[in-house]
Amino acid sequence: LSELQGAASAAGADVSEGRSLRAFGVISGDRASCTIHV
């Protein structure tokens, strides 16, 4: 989970204390592709 949260922070996601981030996705600009981190 800490590795996932580090990747989320590097991607610009809110990983502030008290927030339960368990996965995150990065949607491409054209929305034809998406990367999910779990």
Full PDB file with SEQRES, HELIX, SHEET, SSBOND, CRYST1, ORIGX, SCALE, CONECT and MASTER records, all heavy atoms in Angstrom:
SEQRES   1 A   38  LEU SER GLU LEU GLN GLY ALA ALA SER ALA ALA GLY ALA          
SEQRES   2 A   38  ASP VAL SER GLU GLY ARG SER LEU ARG ALA PHE GLY VAL          
SEQRES   3 A   38  ILE SER GLY ASP ARG ALA SER CYS THR ILE HIS VAL              
HELIX    1 AA1 SER A    2  ALA A   10  1                                   9    
SHEET    1 AA1 2 PHE A  24  ILE A  27  0                                        
SHEET    2 AA1 2 CYS A  34  HIS A  37 -1                                        
CRYST1    1.000    1.000    1.000  90.00  90.00  90.00 P 1           1          
ORIGX1      1.000000  0.000000  0.000000        0.00000                         
ORIGX2      0.000000  1.000000  0.000000        0.00000                         
ORIGX3      0.000000  0.000000  1.000000        0.00000                         
SCALE1      1.000000  0.000000  0.000000        0.00000                         
SCALE2      0.000000  1.000000  0.000000        0.00000                         
SCALE3      0.000000  0.000000  1.000000        0.00000                         
ATOM      1  N   LEU A   1       0.828  -1.195   0.000  1.00  0.00           N  
ATOM      2  CA  LEU A   1       0.000   0.000   0.000  1.00  0.00           C  
ATOM      3  C   LEU A   1       0.869   1.254   0.000  1.00  0.00           C  
ATOM      4  O   LEU A   1       0.569   2.217  -0.700  1.00  0.00           O  
ATOM      5  CB  LEU A   1      -0.951  -0.010   1.202  1.00  0.00           C  
ATOM      6  CG  LEU A   1      -1.928   1.162   1.295  1.00  0.00           C  
ATOM      7  CD1 LEU A   1      -2.800   1.257   0.045  1.00  0.00           C  
ATOM      8  CD2 LEU A   1      -2.781   1.014   2.541  1.00  0.00           C  
ATOM      9  N   SER A   2       1.969   1.230   0.748  1.00  0.00           N  
ATOM     10  CA  SER A   2       2.843   2.409   0.789  1.00  0.00           C  
ATOM     11  C   SER A   2       3.490   2.658  -0.578  1.00  0.00           C  
ATOM     12  O   SER A   2       3.654   3.807  -0.996  1.00  0.00           O  
ATOM     13  CB  SER A   2       3.895   2.294   1.885  1.00  0.00           C  
ATOM     14  OG  SER A   2       4.734   1.189   1.660  1.00  0.00           O  
ATOM     15  N   GLU A   3       3.823   1.591  -1.311  1.00  0.00           N  
ATOM     16  CA  GLU A   3       4.371   1.754  -2.661  1.00  0.00           C  
ATOM     17  C   GLU A   3       3.320   2.360  -3.590  1.00  0.00           C  
ATOM     18  O   GLU A   3       3.611   3.259  -4.381  1.00  0.00           O  
ATOM     19  CB  GLU A   3       4.832   0.397  -3.196  1.00  0.00           C  
ATOM     20  CG  GLU A   3       5.437   0.460  -4.592  1.00  0.00           C  
ATOM     21  CD  GLU A   3       5.790  -0.914  -5.129  1.00  0.00           C  
ATOM     22  OE1 GLU A   3       6.552  -1.643  -4.448  1.00  0.00           O  
ATOM     23  OE2 GLU A   3       5.296  -1.261  -6.224  1.00  0.00           O  
ATOM     24  N   LEU A   4       2.086   1.873  -3.488  1.00  0.00           N  
ATOM     25  CA  LEU A   4       0.986   2.411  -4.286  1.00  0.00           C  
ATOM     26  C   LEU A   4       0.775   3.888  -3.975  1.00  0.00           C  
ATOM     27  O   LEU A   4       0.648   4.716  -4.876  1.00  0.00           O  
ATOM     28  CB  LEU A   4      -0.294   1.638  -4.028  1.00  0.00           C  
ATOM     29  CG  LEU A   4      -1.531   2.248  -4.695  1.00  0.00           C  
ATOM     30  CD1 LEU A   4      -2.049   1.342  -5.793  1.00  0.00           C  
ATOM     31  CD2 LEU A   4      -2.601   2.528  -3.686  1.00  0.00           C  
ATOM     32  N   GLN A   5       0.768   4.238  -2.696  1.00  0.00           N  
ATOM     33  CA  GLN A   5       0.547   5.630  -2.308  1.00  0.00           C  
ATOM     34  C   GLN A   5       1.698   6.529  -2.750  1.00  0.00           C  
ATOM     35  O   GLN A   5       1.477   7.678  -3.117  1.00  0.00           O  
ATOM     36  CB  GLN A   5       0.284   5.721  -0.804  1.00  0.00           C  
ATOM     37  CG  GLN A   5      -1.070   5.107  -0.459  1.00  0.00           C  
ATOM     38  CD  GLN A   5      -1.369   5.083   1.031  1.00  0.00           C  
ATOM     39  OE1 GLN A   5      -0.473   5.129   1.855  1.00  0.00           O  
ATOM     40  NE2 GLN A   5      -2.637   4.976   1.359  1.00  0.00           N  
ATOM     41  N   GLY A   6       2.915   6.000  -2.765  1.00  0.00           N  
ATOM     42  CA  GLY A   6       4.045   6.767  -3.286  1.00  0.00           C  
ATOM     43  C   GLY A   6       3.888   7.047  -4.772  1.00  0.00           C  
ATOM     44  O   GLY A   6       4.158   8.157  -5.246  1.00  0.00           O  
ATOM     45  N   ALA A   7       3.428   6.050  -5.518  1.00  0.00           N  
ATOM     46  CA  ALA A   7       3.185   6.230  -6.954  1.00  0.00           C  
ATOM     47  C   ALA A   7       2.046   7.224  -7.177  1.00  0.00           C  
ATOM     48  O   ALA A   7       2.107   8.052  -8.096  1.00  0.00           O  
ATOM     49  CB  ALA A   7       2.857   4.889  -7.604  1.00  0.00           C  
ATOM     50  N   ALA A   8       1.034   7.174  -6.328  1.00  0.00           N  
ATOM     51  CA  ALA A   8      -0.085   8.107  -6.443  1.00  0.00           C  
ATOM     52  C   ALA A   8       0.372   9.536  -6.186  1.00  0.00           C  
ATOM     53  O   ALA A   8       0.007  10.464  -6.907  1.00  0.00           O  
ATOM     54  CB  ALA A   8      -1.197   7.723  -5.470  1.00  0.00           C  
ATOM     55  N   SER A   9       1.192   9.707  -5.171  1.00  0.00           N  
ATOM     56  CA  SER A   9       1.731  11.029  -4.864  1.00  0.00           C  
ATOM     57  C   SER A   9       2.561  11.562  -6.027  1.00  0.00           C  
ATOM     58  O   SER A   9       2.433  12.725  -6.424  1.00  0.00           O  
ATOM     59  CB  SER A   9       2.573  10.965  -3.586  1.00  0.00           C  
ATOM     60  OG  SER A   9       3.094  12.230  -3.282  1.00  0.00           O  
ATOM     61  N   ALA A  10       3.392  10.707  -6.604  1.00  0.00           N  
ATOM     62  CA  ALA A  10       4.218  11.102  -7.749  1.00  0.00           C  
ATOM     63  C   ALA A  10       3.359  11.473  -8.959  1.00  0.00           C  
ATOM     64  O   ALA A  10       3.752  12.316  -9.770  1.00  0.00           O  
ATOM     65  CB  ALA A  10       5.188   9.976  -8.114  1.00  0.00           C  
ATOM     66  N   ALA A  11       2.170  10.862  -9.069  1.00  0.00           N  
ATOM     67  CA  ALA A  11       1.263  11.154 -10.179  1.00  0.00           C  
ATOM     68  C   ALA A  11       0.389  12.370  -9.903  1.00  0.00           C  
ATOM     69  O   ALA A  11      -0.390  12.781 -10.750  1.00  0.00           O  
ATOM     70  CB  ALA A  11       0.392   9.937 -10.469  1.00  0.00           C  
ATOM     71  N   GLY A  12       0.501  12.937  -8.686  1.00  0.00           N  
ATOM     72  CA  GLY A  12      -0.261  14.136  -8.354  1.00  0.00           C  
ATOM     73  C   GLY A  12      -1.563  13.891  -7.619  1.00  0.00           C  
ATOM     74  O   GLY A  12      -2.363  14.810  -7.445  1.00  0.00           O  
ATOM     75  N   ALA A  13      -1.798  12.664  -7.154  1.00  0.00           N  
ATOM     76  CA  ALA A  13      -3.024  12.357  -6.412  1.00  0.00           C  
ATOM     77  C   ALA A  13      -2.918  12.843  -4.972  1.00  0.00           C  
ATOM     78  O   ALA A  13      -1.828  12.970  -4.425  1.00  0.00           O  
ATOM     79  CB  ALA A  13      -3.284  10.853  -6.433  1.00  0.00           C  
ATOM     80  N   ASP A  14      -4.063  13.095  -4.368  1.00  0.00           N  
ATOM     81  CA  ASP A  14      -4.122  13.526  -2.973  1.00  0.00           C  
ATOM     82  C   ASP A  14      -3.937  12.303  -2.073  1.00  0.00           C  
ATOM     83  O   ASP A  14      -4.792  11.428  -2.018  1.00  0.00           O  
ATOM     84  CB  ASP A  14      -5.462  14.194  -2.692  1.00  0.00           C  
ATOM     85  CG  ASP A  14      -5.628  14.604  -1.234  1.00  0.00           C  
ATOM     86  OD1 ASP A  14      -4.644  14.611  -0.487  1.00  0.00           O  
ATOM     87  OD2 ASP A  14      -6.775  14.928  -0.863  1.00  0.00           O  
ATOM     88  N   VAL A  15      -2.815  12.235  -1.390  1.00  0.00           N  
ATOM     89  CA  VAL A  15      -2.551  11.127  -0.465  1.00  0.00           C  
ATOM     90  C   VAL A  15      -2.391  11.649   0.961  1.00  0.00           C  
ATOM     91  O   VAL A  15      -1.654  11.087   1.753  1.00  0.00           O  
ATOM     92  CB  VAL A  15      -1.308  10.299  -0.898  1.00  0.00           C  
ATOM     93  CG1 VAL A  15      -1.579   9.573  -2.192  1.00  0.00           C  
ATOM     94  CG2 VAL A  15      -0.083  11.180  -1.028  1.00  0.00           C  
ATOM     95  N   SER A  16      -3.122  12.714   1.275  1.00  0.00           N  
ATOM     96  CA  SER A  16      -3.017  13.309   2.601  1.00  0.00           C  
ATOM     97  C   SER A  16      -3.460  12.323   3.671  1.00  0.00           C  
ATOM     98  O   SER A  16      -4.230  11.399   3.422  1.00  0.00           O  
ATOM     99  CB  SER A  16      -3.849  14.587   2.675  1.00  0.00           C  
ATOM    100  OG  SER A  16      -5.190  14.325   2.340  1.00  0.00           O  
ATOM    101  N   GLU A  17      -2.953  12.540   4.864  1.00  0.00           N  
ATOM    102  CA  GLU A  17      -3.251  11.652   5.992  1.00  0.00           C  
ATOM    103  C   GLU A  17      -4.757  11.618   6.235  1.00  0.00           C  
ATOM    104  O   GLU A  17      -5.447  12.624   6.141  1.00  0.00           O  
ATOM    105  CB  GLU A  17      -2.534  12.140   7.247  1.00  0.00           C  
ATOM    106  CG  GLU A  17      -2.591  11.143   8.381  1.00  0.00           C  
ATOM    107  CD  GLU A  17      -1.698  11.533   9.536  1.00  0.00           C  
ATOM    108  OE1 GLU A  17      -0.652  12.164   9.291  1.00  0.00           O  
ATOM    109  OE2 GLU A  17      -2.069  11.210  10.660  1.00  0.00           O  
ATOM    110  N   GLY A  18      -5.268  10.457   6.524  1.00  0.00           N  
ATOM    111  CA  GLY A  18      -6.689  10.291   6.768  1.00  0.00           C  
ATOM    112  C   GLY A  18      -7.466   9.918   5.512  1.00  0.00           C  
ATOM    113  O   GLY A  18      -8.609   9.512   5.585  1.00  0.00           O  
ATOM    114  N   ARG A  19      -6.853  10.048   4.362  1.00  0.00           N  
ATOM    115  CA  ARG A  19      -7.499   9.660   3.104  1.00  0.00           C  
ATOM    116  C   ARG A  19      -7.128   8.213   2.813  1.00  0.00           C  
ATOM    117  O   ARG A  19      -5.970   7.854   2.815  1.00  0.00           O  
ATOM    118  CB  ARG A  19      -7.030  10.559   1.964  1.00  0.00           C  
ATOM    119  CG  ARG A  19      -7.751  10.256   0.675  1.00  0.00           C  
ATOM    120  CD  ARG A  19      -7.880  11.494  -0.179  1.00  0.00           C  
ATOM    121  NE  ARG A  19      -8.769  11.220  -1.289  1.00  0.00           N  
ATOM    122  CZ  ARG A  19      -8.360  10.739  -2.461  1.00  0.00           C  
ATOM    123  NH1 ARG A  19      -7.092  10.506  -2.680  1.00  0.00           N  
ATOM    124  NH2 ARG A  19      -9.223  10.511  -3.421  1.00  0.00           N  
ATOM    125  N   SER A  20      -8.109   7.405   2.559  1.00  0.00           N  
ATOM    126  CA  SER A  20      -7.882   5.978   2.335  1.00  0.00           C  
ATOM    127  C   SER A  20      -7.749   5.696   0.839  1.00  0.00           C  
ATOM    128  O   SER A  20      -8.698   5.276   0.196  1.00  0.00           O  
ATOM    129  CB  SER A  20      -9.035   5.176   2.929  1.00  0.00           C  
ATOM    130  OG  SER A  20      -8.826   3.807   2.712  1.00  0.00           O  
ATOM    131  N   LEU A  21      -6.593   5.928   0.293  1.00  0.00           N  
ATOM    132  CA  LEU A  21      -6.335   5.674  -1.126  1.00  0.00           C  
ATOM    133  C   LEU A  21      -5.911   4.221  -1.285  1.00  0.00           C  
ATOM    134  O   LEU A  21      -4.870   3.814  -0.784  1.00  0.00           O  
ATOM    135  CB  LEU A  21      -5.239   6.606  -1.644  1.00  0.00           C  
ATOM    136  CG  LEU A  21      -4.934   6.462  -3.123  1.00  0.00           C  
ATOM    137  CD1 LEU A  21      -5.988   7.201  -3.932  1.00  0.00           C  
ATOM    138  CD2 LEU A  21      -3.569   6.999  -3.442  1.00  0.00           C  
ATOM    139  N   ARG A  22      -6.730   3.416  -1.952  1.00  0.00           N  
ATOM    140  CA  ARG A  22      -6.464   1.978  -2.108  1.00  0.00           C  
ATOM    141  C   ARG A  22      -6.131   1.598  -3.542  1.00  0.00           C  
ATOM    142  O   ARG A  22      -5.683   0.489  -3.804  1.00  0.00           O  
ATOM    143  CB  ARG A  22      -7.674   1.168  -1.651  1.00  0.00           C  
ATOM    144  CG  ARG A  22      -8.168   1.501  -0.267  1.00  0.00           C  
ATOM    145  CD  ARG A  22      -7.182   1.181   0.793  1.00  0.00           C  
ATOM    146  NE  ARG A  22      -7.004  -0.260   0.876  1.00  0.00           N  
ATOM    147  CZ  ARG A  22      -6.222  -0.861   1.737  1.00  0.00           C  
ATOM    148  NH1 ARG A  22      -5.532  -0.160   2.602  1.00  0.00           N  
ATOM    149  NH2 ARG A  22      -6.100  -2.164   1.737  1.00  0.00           N  
ATOM    150  N   ALA A  23      -6.372   2.515  -4.488  1.00  0.00           N  
ATOM    151  CA  ALA A  23      -6.078   2.312  -5.911  1.00  0.00           C  
ATOM    152  C   ALA A  23      -6.224   3.673  -6.575  1.00  0.00           C  
ATOM    153  O   ALA A  23      -6.827   4.581  -6.005  1.00  0.00           O  
ATOM    154  CB  ALA A  23      -7.042   1.319  -6.534  1.00  0.00           C  
ATOM    155  N   PHE A  24      -5.669   3.804  -7.771  1.00  0.00           N  
ATOM    156  CA  PHE A  24      -5.903   5.035  -8.528  1.00  0.00           C  
ATOM    157  C   PHE A  24      -5.735   4.747 -10.005  1.00  0.00           C  
ATOM    158  O   PHE A  24      -5.131   3.756 -10.402  1.00  0.00           O  
ATOM    159  CB  PHE A  24      -5.000   6.184  -8.062  1.00  0.00           C  
ATOM    160  CG  PHE A  24      -3.552   6.068  -8.437  1.00  0.00           C  
ATOM    161  CD1 PHE A  24      -3.050   6.710  -9.565  1.00  0.00           C  
ATOM    162  CD2 PHE A  24      -2.673   5.325  -7.658  1.00  0.00           C  
ATOM    163  CE1 PHE A  24      -1.710   6.615  -9.908  1.00  0.00           C  
ATOM    164  CE2 PHE A  24      -1.333   5.223  -7.984  1.00  0.00           C  
ATOM    165  CZ  PHE A  24      -0.847   5.866  -9.112  1.00  0.00           C  
ATOM    166  N   GLY A  25      -6.316   5.614 -10.812  1.00  0.00           N  
ATOM    167  CA  GLY A  25      -6.241   5.456 -12.258  1.00  0.00           C  
ATOM    168  C   GLY A  25      -5.742   6.729 -12.900  1.00  0.00           C  
ATOM    169  O   GLY A  25      -5.933   7.827 -12.380  1.00  0.00           O  
ATOM    170  N   VAL A  26      -5.097   6.564 -14.039  1.00  0.00           N  
ATOM    171  CA  VAL A  26      -4.640   7.694 -14.839  1.00  0.00           C  
ATOM    172  C   VAL A  26      -5.295   7.544 -16.205  1.00  0.00           C  
ATOM    173  O   VAL A  26      -5.050   6.562 -16.914  1.00  0.00           O  
ATOM    174  CB  VAL A  26      -3.100   7.712 -14.972  1.00  0.00           C  
ATOM    175  CG1 VAL A  26      -2.656   8.873 -15.838  1.00  0.00           C  
ATOM    176  CG2 VAL A  26      -2.441   7.767 -13.595  1.00  0.00           C  
ATOM    177  N   ILE A  27      -6.150   8.501 -16.550  1.00  0.00           N  
ATOM    178  CA  ILE A  27      -6.873   8.472 -17.812  1.00  0.00           C  
ATOM    179  C   ILE A  27      -6.106   9.305 -18.822  1.00  0.00           C  
ATOM    180  O   ILE A  27      -5.712  10.431 -18.535  1.00  0.00           O  
ATOM    181  CB  ILE A  27      -8.301   9.021 -17.631  1.00  0.00           C  
ATOM    182  CG1 ILE A  27      -9.039   8.196 -16.580  1.00  0.00           C  
ATOM    183  CG2 ILE A  27      -9.054   9.028 -18.949  1.00  0.00           C  
ATOM    184  CD1 ILE A  27     -10.335   8.795 -16.116  1.00  0.00           C  
ATOM    185  N   SER A  28      -5.892   8.750 -20.015  1.00  0.00           N  
ATOM    186  CA  SER A  28      -5.158   9.482 -21.047  1.00  0.00           C  
ATOM    187  C   SER A  28      -5.976  10.679 -21.523  1.00  0.00           C  
ATOM    188  O   SER A  28      -7.195  10.714 -21.362  1.00  0.00           O  
ATOM    189  CB  SER A  28      -4.830   8.558 -22.223  1.00  0.00           C  
ATOM    190  OG  SER A  28      -6.014   8.216 -22.901  1.00  0.00           O  
ATOM    191  N   GLY A  29      -5.294  11.636 -22.110  1.00  0.00           N  
ATOM    192  CA  GLY A  29      -5.957  12.843 -22.588  1.00  0.00           C  
ATOM    193  C   GLY A  29      -7.056  12.570 -23.594  1.00  0.00           C  
ATOM    194  O   GLY A  29      -8.093  13.221 -23.588  1.00  0.00           O  
ATOM    195  N   ASP A  30      -6.858  11.578 -24.460  1.00  0.00           N  
ATOM    196  CA  ASP A  30      -7.892  11.264 -25.448  1.00  0.00           C  
ATOM    197  C   ASP A  30      -8.926  10.279 -24.897  1.00  0.00           C  
ATOM    198  O   ASP A  30      -9.882   9.944 -25.573  1.00  0.00           O  
ATOM    199  CB  ASP A  30      -7.267  10.708 -26.724  1.00  0.00           C  
ATOM    200  CG  ASP A  30      -6.574   9.364 -26.515  1.00  0.00           C  
ATOM    201  OD1 ASP A  30      -6.595   8.826 -25.390  1.00  0.00           O  
ATOM    202  OD2 ASP A  30      -6.001   8.862 -27.489  1.00  0.00           O  
ATOM    203  N   ARG A  31      -8.712   9.824 -23.688  1.00  0.00           N  
ATOM    204  CA  ARG A  31      -9.615   8.919 -22.976  1.00  0.00           C  
ATOM    205  C   ARG A  31      -9.766   7.558 -23.640  1.00  0.00           C  
ATOM    206  O   ARG A  31     -10.679   6.810 -23.323  1.00  0.00           O  
ATOM    207  CB  ARG A  31     -10.985   9.556 -22.758  1.00  0.00           C  
ATOM    208  CG  ARG A  31     -10.926  10.804 -21.928  1.00  0.00           C  
ATOM    209  CD  ARG A  31     -12.313  11.305 -21.628  1.00  0.00           C  
ATOM    210  NE  ARG A  31     -12.241  12.540 -20.874  1.00  0.00           N  
ATOM    211  CZ  ARG A  31     -12.985  13.593 -21.091  1.00  0.00           C  
ATOM    212  NH1 ARG A  31     -13.887  13.568 -22.033  1.00  0.00           N  
ATOM    213  NH2 ARG A  31     -12.857  14.666 -20.364  1.00  0.00           N  
ATOM    214  N   ALA A  32      -8.891   7.231 -24.575  1.00  0.00           N  
ATOM    215  CA  ALA A  32      -8.966   5.923 -25.225  1.00  0.00           C  
ATOM    216  C   ALA A  32      -8.179   4.870 -24.446  1.00  0.00           C  
ATOM    217  O   ALA A  32      -8.279   3.692 -24.729  1.00  0.00           O  
ATOM    218  CB  ALA A  32      -8.448   6.008 -26.651  1.00  0.00           C  
ATOM    219  N   SER A  33      -7.384   5.323 -23.480  1.00  0.00           N  
ATOM    220  CA  SER A  33      -6.634   4.377 -22.662  1.00  0.00           C  
ATOM    221  C   SER A  33      -6.586   4.865 -21.219  1.00  0.00           C  
ATOM    222  O   SER A  33      -6.763   6.039 -20.942  1.00  0.00           O  
ATOM    223  CB  SER A  33      -5.226   4.172 -23.214  1.00  0.00           C  
ATOM    224  OG  SER A  33      -4.499   5.369 -23.151  1.00  0.00           O  
ATOM    225  N   CYS A  34      -6.350   3.920 -20.343  1.00  0.00           N  
ATOM    226  CA  CYS A  34      -6.387   4.200 -18.915  1.00  0.00           C  
ATOM    227  C   CYS A  34      -5.412   3.249 -18.226  1.00  0.00           C  
ATOM    228  O   CYS A  34      -5.310   2.085 -18.610  1.00  0.00           O  
ATOM    229  CB  CYS A  34      -7.808   3.958 -18.429  1.00  0.00           C  
ATOM    230  SG  CYS A  34      -8.115   4.312 -16.701  1.00  0.00           S  
ATOM    231  N   THR A  35      -4.697   3.747 -17.224  1.00  0.00           N  
ATOM    232  CA  THR A  35      -3.794   2.914 -16.434  1.00  0.00           C  
ATOM    233  C   THR A  35      -4.292   2.885 -15.004  1.00  0.00           C  
ATOM    234  O   THR A  35      -4.494   3.934 -14.393  1.00  0.00           O  
ATOM    235  CB  THR A  35      -2.352   3.458 -16.483  1.00  0.00           C  
ATOM    236  OG1 THR A  35      -1.932   3.522 -17.847  1.00  0.00           O  
ATOM    237  CG2 THR A  35      -1.404   2.569 -15.703  1.00  0.00           C  
ATOM    238  N   ILE A  36      -4.506   1.685 -14.481  1.00  0.00           N  
ATOM    239  CA  ILE A  36      -4.996   1.506 -13.113  1.00  0.00           C  
ATOM    240  C   ILE A  36      -3.866   0.971 -12.250  1.00  0.00           C  
ATOM    241  O   ILE A  36      -3.195   0.017 -12.613  1.00  0.00           O  
ATOM    242  CB  ILE A  36      -6.194   0.530 -13.086  1.00  0.00           C  
ATOM    243  CG1 ILE A  36      -7.358   1.119 -13.884  1.00  0.00           C  
ATOM    244  CG2 ILE A  36      -6.609   0.223 -11.654  1.00  0.00           C  
ATOM    245  CD1 ILE A  36      -8.522   0.173 -14.038  1.00  0.00           C  
ATOM    246  N   HIS A  37      -3.671   1.593 -11.102  1.00  0.00           N  
ATOM    247  CA  HIS A  37      -2.665   1.178 -10.121  1.00  0.00           C  
ATOM    248  C   HIS A  37      -3.387   0.551  -8.935  1.00  0.00           C  
ATOM    249  O   HIS A  37      -4.295   1.159  -8.364  1.00  0.00           O  
ATOM    250  CB  HIS A  37      -1.858   2.389  -9.636  1.00  0.00           C  
ATOM    251  CG  HIS A  37      -0.995   2.995 -10.694  1.00  0.00           C  
ATOM    252  ND1 HIS A  37       0.371   2.857 -10.678  1.00  0.00           N  
ATOM    253  CD2 HIS A  37      -1.301   3.745 -11.783  1.00  0.00           C  
ATOM    254  CE1 HIS A  37       0.876   3.499 -11.718  1.00  0.00           C  
ATOM    255  NE2 HIS A  37      -0.116   4.041 -12.403  1.00  0.00           N  
ATOM    256  N   VAL A  38      -2.990  -0.669  -8.584  1.00  0.00           N  
ATOM    257  CA  VAL A  38      -3.573  -1.390  -7.447  1.00  0.00           C  
ATOM    258  C   VAL A  38      -2.466  -2.116  -6.692  1.00  0.00           C  
ATOM    259  O   VAL A  38      -1.381  -2.348  -7.231  1.00  0.00           O  
ATOM    260  CB  VAL A  38      -4.633  -2.429  -7.890  1.00  0.00           C  
ATOM    261  CG1 VAL A  38      -5.834  -1.773  -8.528  1.00  0.00           C  
ATOM    262  CG2 VAL A  38      -4.037  -3.462  -8.819  1.00  0.00           C  
TER     263      VAL A  38                                                      
MASTER        0    0    0    1    2    0    0    6  262    1    0    3          
END                                                                             
